[in-house]
Full PDB file with SEQRES, HELIX, SHEET, SSBOND, CRYST1, ORIGX, SCALE, CONECT and MASTER records, all heavy atoms in Angstrom:
SEQRES   1 A   31  LYS LYS ALA ILE PHE GLN LYS ALA ILE PRO LEU VAL GLN          
SEQRES   2 A   31  LEU GLN GLU ILE PHE ASP PHE ALA LYS GLU MET GLU VAL          
SEQRES   3 A   31  TYR CYS GLN THR TYR                                          
HELIX    1 AA1 LEU A   11  MET A   24  1                                  14    
CRYST1    1.000    1.000    1.000  90.00  90.00  90.00 P 1           1          
ORIGX1      1.000000  0.000000  0.000000        0.00000                         
ORIGX2      0.000000  1.000000  0.000000        0.00000                         
ORIGX3      0.000000  0.000000  1.000000        0.00000                         
SCALE1      1.000000  0.000000  0.000000        0.00000                         
SCALE2      0.000000  1.000000  0.000000        0.00000                         
SCALE3      0.000000  0.000000  1.000000        0.00000                         
ATOM      1  N   LYS A   1     -24.540  16.961  21.732  1.00  0.00           N  
ATOM      2  CA  LYS A   1     -23.155  16.534  22.000  1.00  0.00           C  
ATOM      3  C   LYS A   1     -23.109  15.218  22.778  1.00  0.00           C  
ATOM      4  O   LYS A   1     -22.424  15.061  23.779  1.00  0.00           O  
ATOM      5  CB  LYS A   1     -22.400  17.623  22.801  1.00  0.00           C  
ATOM      6  CG  LYS A   1     -22.454  19.006  22.170  1.00  0.00           C  
ATOM      7  CD  LYS A   1     -21.673  19.072  20.886  1.00  0.00           C  
ATOM      8  CE  LYS A   1     -21.509  20.489  20.365  1.00  0.00           C  
ATOM      9  NZ  LYS A   1     -22.744  21.139  19.929  1.00  0.00           N  
ATOM     10  N   LYS A   2     -23.869  14.242  22.279  1.00  0.00           N  
ATOM     11  CA  LYS A   2     -23.891  12.949  22.956  1.00  0.00           C  
ATOM     12  C   LYS A   2     -24.223  11.836  21.961  1.00  0.00           C  
ATOM     13  O   LYS A   2     -24.818  12.071  20.897  1.00  0.00           O  
ATOM     14  CB  LYS A   2     -24.921  12.942  24.089  1.00  0.00           C  
ATOM     15  CG  LYS A   2     -26.358  13.054  23.625  1.00  0.00           C  
ATOM     16  CD  LYS A   2     -27.323  12.982  24.796  1.00  0.00           C  
ATOM     17  CE  LYS A   2     -28.778  13.001  24.315  1.00  0.00           C  
ATOM     18  NZ  LYS A   2     -29.723  12.942  25.462  1.00  0.00           N  
ATOM     19  N   ALA A   3     -23.809  10.616  22.333  1.00  0.00           N  
ATOM     20  CA  ALA A   3     -24.145   9.445  21.529  1.00  0.00           C  
ATOM     21  C   ALA A   3     -25.590   9.059  21.786  1.00  0.00           C  
ATOM     22  O   ALA A   3     -26.044   9.015  22.928  1.00  0.00           O  
ATOM     23  CB  ALA A   3     -23.217   8.293  21.875  1.00  0.00           C  
ATOM     24  N   ILE A   4     -26.321   8.783  20.704  1.00  0.00           N  
ATOM     25  CA  ILE A   4     -27.700   8.315  20.844  1.00  0.00           C  
ATOM     26  C   ILE A   4     -27.835   6.860  20.406  1.00  0.00           C  
ATOM     27  O   ILE A   4     -28.869   6.245  20.609  1.00  0.00           O  
ATOM     28  CB  ILE A   4     -28.684   9.217  20.067  1.00  0.00           C  
ATOM     29  CG1 ILE A   4     -28.264   9.362  18.607  1.00  0.00           C  
ATOM     30  CG2 ILE A   4     -28.789  10.575  20.738  1.00  0.00           C  
ATOM     31  CD1 ILE A   4     -29.245  10.152  17.762  1.00  0.00           C  
ATOM     32  N   PHE A   5     -26.784   6.321  19.796  1.00  0.00           N  
ATOM     33  CA  PHE A   5     -26.699   4.893  19.523  1.00  0.00           C  
ATOM     34  C   PHE A   5     -25.225   4.517  19.561  1.00  0.00           C  
ATOM     35  O   PHE A   5     -24.378   5.245  19.046  1.00  0.00           O  
ATOM     36  CB  PHE A   5     -27.285   4.529  18.154  1.00  0.00           C  
ATOM     37  CG  PHE A   5     -27.045   3.089  17.794  1.00  0.00           C  
ATOM     38  CD1 PHE A   5     -27.896   2.106  18.244  1.00  0.00           C  
ATOM     39  CD2 PHE A   5     -25.940   2.712  17.030  1.00  0.00           C  
ATOM     40  CE1 PHE A   5     -27.673   0.761  17.932  1.00  0.00           C  
ATOM     41  CE2 PHE A   5     -25.697   1.377  16.720  1.00  0.00           C  
ATOM     42  CZ  PHE A   5     -26.571   0.410  17.174  1.00  0.00           C  
ATOM     43  N   GLN A   6     -24.946   3.356  20.154  1.00  0.00           N  
ATOM     44  CA  GLN A   6     -23.553   2.931  20.273  1.00  0.00           C  
ATOM     45  C   GLN A   6     -23.515   1.420  20.433  1.00  0.00           C  
ATOM     46  O   GLN A   6     -24.282   0.844  21.214  1.00  0.00           O  
ATOM     47  CB  GLN A   6     -22.902   3.609  21.490  1.00  0.00           C  
ATOM     48  CG  GLN A   6     -21.409   3.611  21.512  1.00  0.00           C  
ATOM     49  CD  GLN A   6     -20.868   4.582  22.574  1.00  0.00           C  
ATOM     50  OE1 GLN A   6     -21.618   5.106  23.400  1.00  0.00           O  
ATOM     51  NE2 GLN A   6     -19.585   4.824  22.553  1.00  0.00           N  
ATOM     52  N   LYS A   7     -22.673   0.769  19.658  1.00  0.00           N  
ATOM     53  CA  LYS A   7     -22.469  -0.675  19.794  1.00  0.00           C  
ATOM     54  C   LYS A   7     -20.992  -0.965  19.634  1.00  0.00           C  
ATOM     55  O   LYS A   7     -20.398  -0.624  18.613  1.00  0.00           O  
ATOM     56  CB  LYS A   7     -23.292  -1.458  18.770  1.00  0.00           C  
ATOM     57  CG  LYS A   7     -23.249  -2.967  18.999  1.00  0.00           C  
ATOM     58  CD  LYS A   7     -24.194  -3.698  18.072  1.00  0.00           C  
ATOM     59  CE  LYS A   7     -24.177  -5.204  18.350  1.00  0.00           C  
ATOM     60  NZ  LYS A   7     -25.106  -5.940  17.452  1.00  0.00           N  
ATOM     61  N   ALA A   8     -20.406  -1.579  20.634  1.00  0.00           N  
ATOM     62  CA  ALA A   8     -18.951  -1.750  20.671  1.00  0.00           C  
ATOM     63  C   ALA A   8     -18.570  -3.222  20.667  1.00  0.00           C  
ATOM     64  O   ALA A   8     -19.391  -4.127  20.861  1.00  0.00           O  
ATOM     65  CB  ALA A   8     -18.385  -1.058  21.910  1.00  0.00           C  
ATOM     66  N   ILE A   9     -17.273  -3.458  20.446  1.00  0.00           N  
ATOM     67  CA  ILE A   9     -16.691  -4.794  20.497  1.00  0.00           C  
ATOM     68  C   ILE A   9     -16.306  -5.105  21.948  1.00  0.00           C  
ATOM     69  O   ILE A   9     -15.547  -4.349  22.559  1.00  0.00           O  
ATOM     70  CB  ILE A   9     -15.443  -4.871  19.603  1.00  0.00           C  
ATOM     71  CG1 ILE A   9     -15.807  -4.617  18.135  1.00  0.00           C  
ATOM     72  CG2 ILE A   9     -14.757  -6.227  19.752  1.00  0.00           C  
ATOM     73  CD1 ILE A   9     -14.595  -4.438  17.232  1.00  0.00           C  
ATOM     74  N   PRO A  10     -16.782  -6.185  22.532  1.00  0.00           N  
ATOM     75  CA  PRO A  10     -16.385  -6.535  23.903  1.00  0.00           C  
ATOM     76  C   PRO A  10     -14.869  -6.713  24.006  1.00  0.00           C  
ATOM     77  O   PRO A  10     -14.213  -7.168  23.059  1.00  0.00           O  
ATOM     78  CB  PRO A  10     -17.120  -7.853  24.156  1.00  0.00           C  
ATOM     79  CG  PRO A  10     -18.265  -7.860  23.187  1.00  0.00           C  
ATOM     80  CD  PRO A  10     -17.762  -7.135  21.968  1.00  0.00           C  
ATOM     81  N   LEU A  11     -14.330  -6.349  25.155  1.00  0.00           N  
ATOM     82  CA  LEU A  11     -12.882  -6.411  25.331  1.00  0.00           C  
ATOM     83  C   LEU A  11     -12.330  -7.825  25.167  1.00  0.00           C  
ATOM     84  O   LEU A  11     -11.204  -8.006  24.700  1.00  0.00           O  
ATOM     85  CB  LEU A  11     -12.506  -5.850  26.705  1.00  0.00           C  
ATOM     86  CG  LEU A  11     -12.689  -4.338  26.882  1.00  0.00           C  
ATOM     87  CD1 LEU A  11     -12.343  -3.920  28.303  1.00  0.00           C  
ATOM     88  CD2 LEU A  11     -11.815  -3.572  25.881  1.00  0.00           C  
ATOM     89  N   VAL A  12     -13.109  -8.841  25.538  1.00  0.00           N  
ATOM     90  CA  VAL A  12     -12.630 -10.212  25.372  1.00  0.00           C  
ATOM     91  C   VAL A  12     -12.461 -10.536  23.895  1.00  0.00           C  
ATOM     92  O   VAL A  12     -11.503 -11.252  23.502  1.00  0.00           O  
ATOM     93  CB  VAL A  12     -13.584 -11.215  26.059  1.00  0.00           C  
ATOM     94  CG1 VAL A  12     -14.971 -11.198  25.417  1.00  0.00           C  
ATOM     95  CG2 VAL A  12     -12.997 -12.617  26.031  1.00  0.00           C  
ATOM     96  N   GLN A  13     -13.314  -9.988  23.047  1.00  0.00           N  
ATOM     97  CA  GLN A  13     -13.167 -10.200  21.615  1.00  0.00           C  
ATOM     98  C   GLN A  13     -12.064  -9.334  21.029  1.00  0.00           C  
ATOM     99  O   GLN A  13     -11.447  -9.703  20.026  1.00  0.00           O  
ATOM    100  CB  GLN A  13     -14.488  -9.931  20.897  1.00  0.00           C  
ATOM    101  CG  GLN A  13     -15.531 -11.022  21.116  1.00  0.00           C  
ATOM    102  CD  GLN A  13     -16.711 -10.873  20.188  1.00  0.00           C  
ATOM    103  OE1 GLN A  13     -17.266  -9.787  20.026  1.00  0.00           O  
ATOM    104  NE2 GLN A  13     -17.119 -11.966  19.566  1.00  0.00           N  
ATOM    105  N   LEU A  14     -11.801  -8.193  21.650  1.00  0.00           N  
ATOM    106  CA  LEU A  14     -10.684  -7.363  21.205  1.00  0.00           C  
ATOM    107  C   LEU A  14      -9.384  -8.146  21.289  1.00  0.00           C  
ATOM    108  O   LEU A  14      -8.542  -8.082  20.385  1.00  0.00           O  
ATOM    109  CB  LEU A  14     -10.608  -6.093  22.061  1.00  0.00           C  
ATOM    110  CG  LEU A  14      -9.541  -5.072  21.671  1.00  0.00           C  
ATOM    111  CD1 LEU A  14      -9.853  -4.464  20.306  1.00  0.00           C  
ATOM    112  CD2 LEU A  14      -9.436  -3.967  22.728  1.00  0.00           C  
ATOM    113  N   GLN A  15      -9.209  -8.904  22.357  1.00  0.00           N  
ATOM    114  CA  GLN A  15      -8.024  -9.750  22.504  1.00  0.00           C  
ATOM    115  C   GLN A  15      -7.958 -10.780  21.378  1.00  0.00           C  
ATOM    116  O   GLN A  15      -6.893 -11.003  20.785  1.00  0.00           O  
ATOM    117  CB  GLN A  15      -8.062 -10.469  23.853  1.00  0.00           C  
ATOM    118  CG  GLN A  15      -6.871 -11.385  24.119  1.00  0.00           C  
ATOM    119  CD  GLN A  15      -5.560 -10.626  24.277  1.00  0.00           C  
ATOM    120  OE1 GLN A  15      -5.454  -9.752  25.126  1.00  0.00           O  
ATOM    121  NE2 GLN A  15      -4.572 -10.952  23.443  1.00  0.00           N  
ATOM    122  N   GLU A  16      -9.097 -11.368  21.040  1.00  0.00           N  
ATOM    123  CA  GLU A  16      -9.122 -12.379  19.982  1.00  0.00           C  
ATOM    124  C   GLU A  16      -8.763 -11.758  18.622  1.00  0.00           C  
ATOM    125  O   GLU A  16      -8.082 -12.390  17.800  1.00  0.00           O  
ATOM    126  CB  GLU A  16     -10.501 -13.030  19.915  1.00  0.00           C  
ATOM    127  CG  GLU A  16     -10.849 -13.851  21.147  1.00  0.00           C  
ATOM    128  CD  GLU A  16     -12.252 -14.423  21.075  1.00  0.00           C  
ATOM    129  OE1 GLU A  16     -12.912 -14.250  20.026  1.00  0.00           O  
ATOM    130  OE2 GLU A  16     -12.689 -15.049  22.054  1.00  0.00           O  
ATOM    131  N   ILE A  17      -9.219 -10.530  18.377  1.00  0.00           N  
ATOM    132  CA  ILE A  17      -8.913  -9.851  17.116  1.00  0.00           C  
ATOM    133  C   ILE A  17      -7.418  -9.574  17.003  1.00  0.00           C  
ATOM    134  O   ILE A  17      -6.800  -9.808  15.953  1.00  0.00           O  
ATOM    135  CB  ILE A  17      -9.725  -8.548  16.994  1.00  0.00           C  
ATOM    136  CG1 ILE A  17     -11.219  -8.865  16.892  1.00  0.00           C  
ATOM    137  CG2 ILE A  17      -9.270  -7.725  15.790  1.00  0.00           C  
ATOM    138  CD1 ILE A  17     -12.114  -7.669  17.120  1.00  0.00           C  
ATOM    139  N   PHE A  18      -6.821  -9.080  18.086  1.00  0.00           N  
ATOM    140  CA  PHE A  18      -5.380  -8.803  18.060  1.00  0.00           C  
ATOM    141  C   PHE A  18      -4.577 -10.098  17.947  1.00  0.00           C  
ATOM    142  O   PHE A  18      -3.539 -10.124  17.279  1.00  0.00           O  
ATOM    143  CB  PHE A  18      -4.977  -8.003  19.297  1.00  0.00           C  
ATOM    144  CG  PHE A  18      -5.056  -6.516  19.110  1.00  0.00           C  
ATOM    145  CD1 PHE A  18      -6.271  -5.859  19.187  1.00  0.00           C  
ATOM    146  CD2 PHE A  18      -3.923  -5.767  18.833  1.00  0.00           C  
ATOM    147  CE1 PHE A  18      -6.361  -4.487  19.009  1.00  0.00           C  
ATOM    148  CE2 PHE A  18      -3.993  -4.401  18.645  1.00  0.00           C  
ATOM    149  CZ  PHE A  18      -5.212  -3.746  18.730  1.00  0.00           C  
ATOM    150  N   ASP A  19      -5.044 -11.169  18.573  1.00  0.00           N  
ATOM    151  CA  ASP A  19      -4.366 -12.454  18.429  1.00  0.00           C  
ATOM    152  C   ASP A  19      -4.426 -12.927  16.976  1.00  0.00           C  
ATOM    153  O   ASP A  19      -3.440 -13.452  16.442  1.00  0.00           O  
ATOM    154  CB  ASP A  19      -5.023 -13.500  19.341  1.00  0.00           C  
ATOM    155  CG  ASP A  19      -4.723 -13.272  20.817  1.00  0.00           C  
ATOM    156  OD1 ASP A  19      -3.789 -12.493  21.121  1.00  0.00           O  
ATOM    157  OD2 ASP A  19      -5.433 -13.859  21.654  1.00  0.00           O  
ATOM    158  N   PHE A  20      -5.574 -12.750  16.356  1.00  0.00           N  
ATOM    159  CA  PHE A  20      -5.723 -13.107  14.946  1.00  0.00           C  
ATOM    160  C   PHE A  20      -4.772 -12.286  14.080  1.00  0.00           C  
ATOM    161  O   PHE A  20      -4.096 -12.828  13.189  1.00  0.00           O  
ATOM    162  CB  PHE A  20      -7.174 -12.878  14.516  1.00  0.00           C  
ATOM    163  CG  PHE A  20      -7.403 -13.020  13.037  1.00  0.00           C  
ATOM    164  CD1 PHE A  20      -7.592 -14.268  12.464  1.00  0.00           C  
ATOM    165  CD2 PHE A  20      -7.442 -11.904  12.204  1.00  0.00           C  
ATOM    166  CE1 PHE A  20      -7.798 -14.407  11.096  1.00  0.00           C  
ATOM    167  CE2 PHE A  20      -7.650 -12.025  10.844  1.00  0.00           C  
ATOM    168  CZ  PHE A  20      -7.826 -13.292  10.274  1.00  0.00           C  
ATOM    169  N   ALA A  21      -4.697 -10.982  14.323  1.00  0.00           N  
ATOM    170  CA  ALA A  21      -3.817 -10.113  13.543  1.00  0.00           C  
ATOM    171  C   ALA A  21      -2.355 -10.527  13.700  1.00  0.00           C  
ATOM    172  O   ALA A  21      -1.585 -10.522  12.726  1.00  0.00           O  
ATOM    173  CB  ALA A  21      -4.008  -8.661  13.976  1.00  0.00           C  
ATOM    174  N   LYS A  22      -1.979 -10.891  14.909  1.00  0.00           N  
ATOM    175  CA  LYS A  22      -0.605 -11.344  15.132  1.00  0.00           C  
ATOM    176  C   LYS A  22      -0.326 -12.613  14.353  1.00  0.00           C  
ATOM    177  O   LYS A  22       0.739 -12.770  13.729  1.00  0.00           O  
ATOM    178  CB  LYS A  22      -0.369 -11.570  16.630  1.00  0.00           C  
ATOM    179  CG  LYS A  22       1.053 -11.972  16.985  1.00  0.00           C  
ATOM    180  CD  LYS A  22       1.231 -12.111  18.494  1.00  0.00           C  
ATOM    181  CE  LYS A  22       2.649 -12.502  18.841  1.00  0.00           C  
ATOM    182  NZ  LYS A  22       2.839 -12.642  20.323  1.00  0.00           N  
ATOM    183  N   GLU A  23      -1.281 -13.527  14.377  1.00  0.00           N  
ATOM    184  CA  GLU A  23      -1.118 -14.781  13.638  1.00  0.00           C  
ATOM    185  C   GLU A  23      -0.998 -14.523  12.135  1.00  0.00           C  
ATOM    186  O   GLU A  23      -0.179 -15.149  11.444  1.00  0.00           O  
ATOM    187  CB  GLU A  23      -2.306 -15.702  13.914  1.00  0.00           C  
ATOM    188  CG  GLU A  23      -2.251 -17.010  13.171  1.00  0.00           C  
ATOM    189  CD  GLU A  23      -3.506 -17.837  13.365  1.00  0.00           C  
ATOM    190  OE1 GLU A  23      -4.288 -17.544  14.307  1.00  0.00           O  
ATOM    191  OE2 GLU A  23      -3.724 -18.767  12.558  1.00  0.00           O  
ATOM    192  N   MET A  24      -1.814 -13.585  11.626  1.00  0.00           N  
ATOM    193  CA  MET A  24      -1.814 -13.277  10.194  1.00  0.00           C  
ATOM    194  C   MET A  24      -0.694 -12.313   9.797  1.00  0.00           C  
ATOM    195  O   MET A  24      -0.518 -12.014   8.625  1.00  0.00           O  
ATOM    196  CB  MET A  24      -3.163 -12.655   9.801  1.00  0.00           C  
ATOM    197  CG  MET A  24      -4.363 -13.555   9.945  1.00  0.00           C  
ATOM    198  SD  MET A  24      -4.368 -14.929   8.757  1.00  0.00           S  
ATOM    199  CE  MET A  24      -4.005 -16.295   9.853  1.00  0.00           C  
ATOM    200  N   GLU A  25       0.024 -11.813  10.799  1.00  0.00           N  
ATOM    201  CA  GLU A  25       1.110 -10.847  10.585  1.00  0.00           C  
ATOM    202  C   GLU A  25       0.607  -9.613   9.835  1.00  0.00           C  
ATOM    203  O   GLU A  25       1.198  -9.144   8.858  1.00  0.00           O  
ATOM    204  CB  GLU A  25       2.277 -11.504   9.828  1.00  0.00           C  
ATOM    205  CG  GLU A  25       2.896 -12.647  10.602  1.00  0.00           C  
ATOM    206  CD  GLU A  25       4.091 -13.269   9.876  1.00  0.00           C  
ATOM    207  OE1 GLU A  25       4.208 -13.069   8.650  1.00  0.00           O  
ATOM    208  OE2 GLU A  25       4.897 -13.933  10.544  1.00  0.00           O  
ATOM    209  N   VAL A  26      -0.494  -9.067  10.341  1.00  0.00           N  
ATOM    210  CA  VAL A  26      -1.072  -7.859   9.769  1.00  0.00           C  
ATOM    211  C   VAL A  26      -1.241  -6.827  10.883  1.00  0.00           C  
ATOM    212  O   VAL A  26      -1.546  -7.166  12.030  1.00  0.00           O  
ATOM    213  CB  VAL A  26      -2.427  -8.152   9.077  1.00  0.00           C  
ATOM    214  CG1 VAL A  26      -3.478  -8.640  10.068  1.00  0.00           C  
ATOM    215  CG2 VAL A  26      -2.933  -6.934   8.319  1.00  0.00           C  
ATOM    216  N   TYR A  27      -1.006  -5.567  10.566  1.00  0.00           N  
ATOM    217  CA  TYR A  27      -1.112  -4.480  11.539  1.00  0.00           C  
ATOM    218  C   TYR A  27      -2.562  -4.328  11.999  1.00  0.00           C  
ATOM    219  O   TYR A  27      -3.495  -4.391  11.197  1.00  0.00           O  
ATOM    220  CB  TYR A  27      -0.631  -3.184  10.906  1.00  0.00           C  
ATOM    221  CG  TYR A  27      -0.892  -1.949  11.744  1.00  0.00           C  
ATOM    222  CD1 TYR A  27       0.015  -1.531  12.706  1.00  0.00           C  
ATOM    223  CD2 TYR A  27      -2.051  -1.204  11.550  1.00  0.00           C  
ATOM    224  CE1 TYR A  27      -0.224  -0.395  13.467  1.00  0.00           C  
ATOM    225  CE2 TYR A  27      -2.305  -0.064  12.305  1.00  0.00           C  
ATOM    226  CZ  TYR A  27      -1.387   0.327  13.264  1.00  0.00           C  
ATOM    227  OH  TYR A  27      -1.635   1.448  14.013  1.00  0.00           O  
ATOM    228  N   CYS A  28      -2.748  -4.083  13.298  1.00  0.00           N  
ATOM    229  CA  CYS A  28      -4.077  -3.889  13.877  1.00  0.00           C  
ATOM    230  C   CYS A  28      -4.056  -2.698  14.827  1.00  0.00           C  
ATOM    231  O   CYS A  28      -3.124  -2.538  15.622  1.00  0.00           O  
ATOM    232  CB  CYS A  28      -4.513  -5.146  14.627  1.00  0.00           C  
ATOM    233  SG  CYS A  28      -6.187  -5.070  15.319  1.00  0.00           S  
ATOM    234  N   GLN A  29      -5.085  -1.853  14.752  1.00  0.00           N  
ATOM    235  CA  GLN A  29      -5.231  -0.715  15.668  1.00  0.00           C  
ATOM    236  C   GLN A  29      -6.667  -0.636  16.149  1.00  0.00           C  
ATOM    237  O   GLN A  29      -7.572  -1.228  15.567  1.00  0.00           O  
ATOM    238  CB  GLN A  29      -4.841   0.595  14.981  1.00  0.00           C  
ATOM    239  CG  GLN A  29      -5.771   0.979  13.836  1.00  0.00           C  
ATOM    240  CD  GLN A  29      -5.321   2.249  13.132  1.00  0.00           C  
ATOM    241  OE1 GLN A  29      -4.126   2.542  13.038  1.00  0.00           O  
ATOM    242  NE2 GLN A  29      -6.274   3.009  12.626  1.00  0.00           N  
ATOM    243  N   THR A  30      -6.869   0.123  17.227  1.00  0.00           N  
ATOM    244  CA  THR A  30      -8.211   0.277  17.768  1.00  0.00           C  
ATOM    245  C   THR A  30      -8.378   1.693  18.316  1.00  0.00           C  
ATOM    246  O   THR A  30      -7.551   2.575  18.048  1.00  0.00           O  
ATOM    247  CB  THR A  30      -8.509  -0.813  18.812  1.00  0.00           C  
ATOM    248  OG1 THR A  30      -9.898  -0.777  19.152  1.00  0.00           O  
ATOM    249  CG2 THR A  30      -7.666  -0.638  20.072  1.00  0.00           C  
ATOM    250  N   TYR A  31      -9.423   1.928  19.121  1.00  0.00           N  
ATOM    251  CA  TYR A  31      -9.795   3.283  19.518  1.00  0.00           C  
ATOM    252  C   TYR A  31     -10.339   3.276  20.939  1.00  0.00           C  
ATOM    253  O   TYR A  31     -10.798   2.251  21.444  1.00  0.00           O  
ATOM    254  CB  TYR A  31     -10.899   3.836  18.583  1.00  0.00           C  
ATOM    255  CG  TYR A  31     -10.560   3.717  17.119  1.00  0.00           C  
ATOM    256  CD1 TYR A  31     -10.753   2.515  16.434  1.00  0.00           C  
ATOM    257  CD2 TYR A  31     -10.029   4.791  16.414  1.00  0.00           C  
ATOM    258  CE1 TYR A  31     -10.417   2.386  15.092  1.00  0.00           C  
ATOM    259  CE2 TYR A  31      -9.702   4.679  15.072  1.00  0.00           C  
ATOM    260  CZ  TYR A  31      -9.893   3.470  14.425  1.00  0.00           C  
ATOM    261  OH  TYR A  31      -9.563   3.351  13.110  1.00  0.00           O  
TER     262      TYR A  31                                                      
MASTER        0    0    0    1    0    0    0    6  261    1    0    3          
END                                                                             
């Protein structure tokens, strides 16, 4: 019941992704 491998998107890049989605006028969600 544990992760043995994990690679995530840094929060600073999360902001860039949402900014891109806003510019492209496309829905974006995360987890």
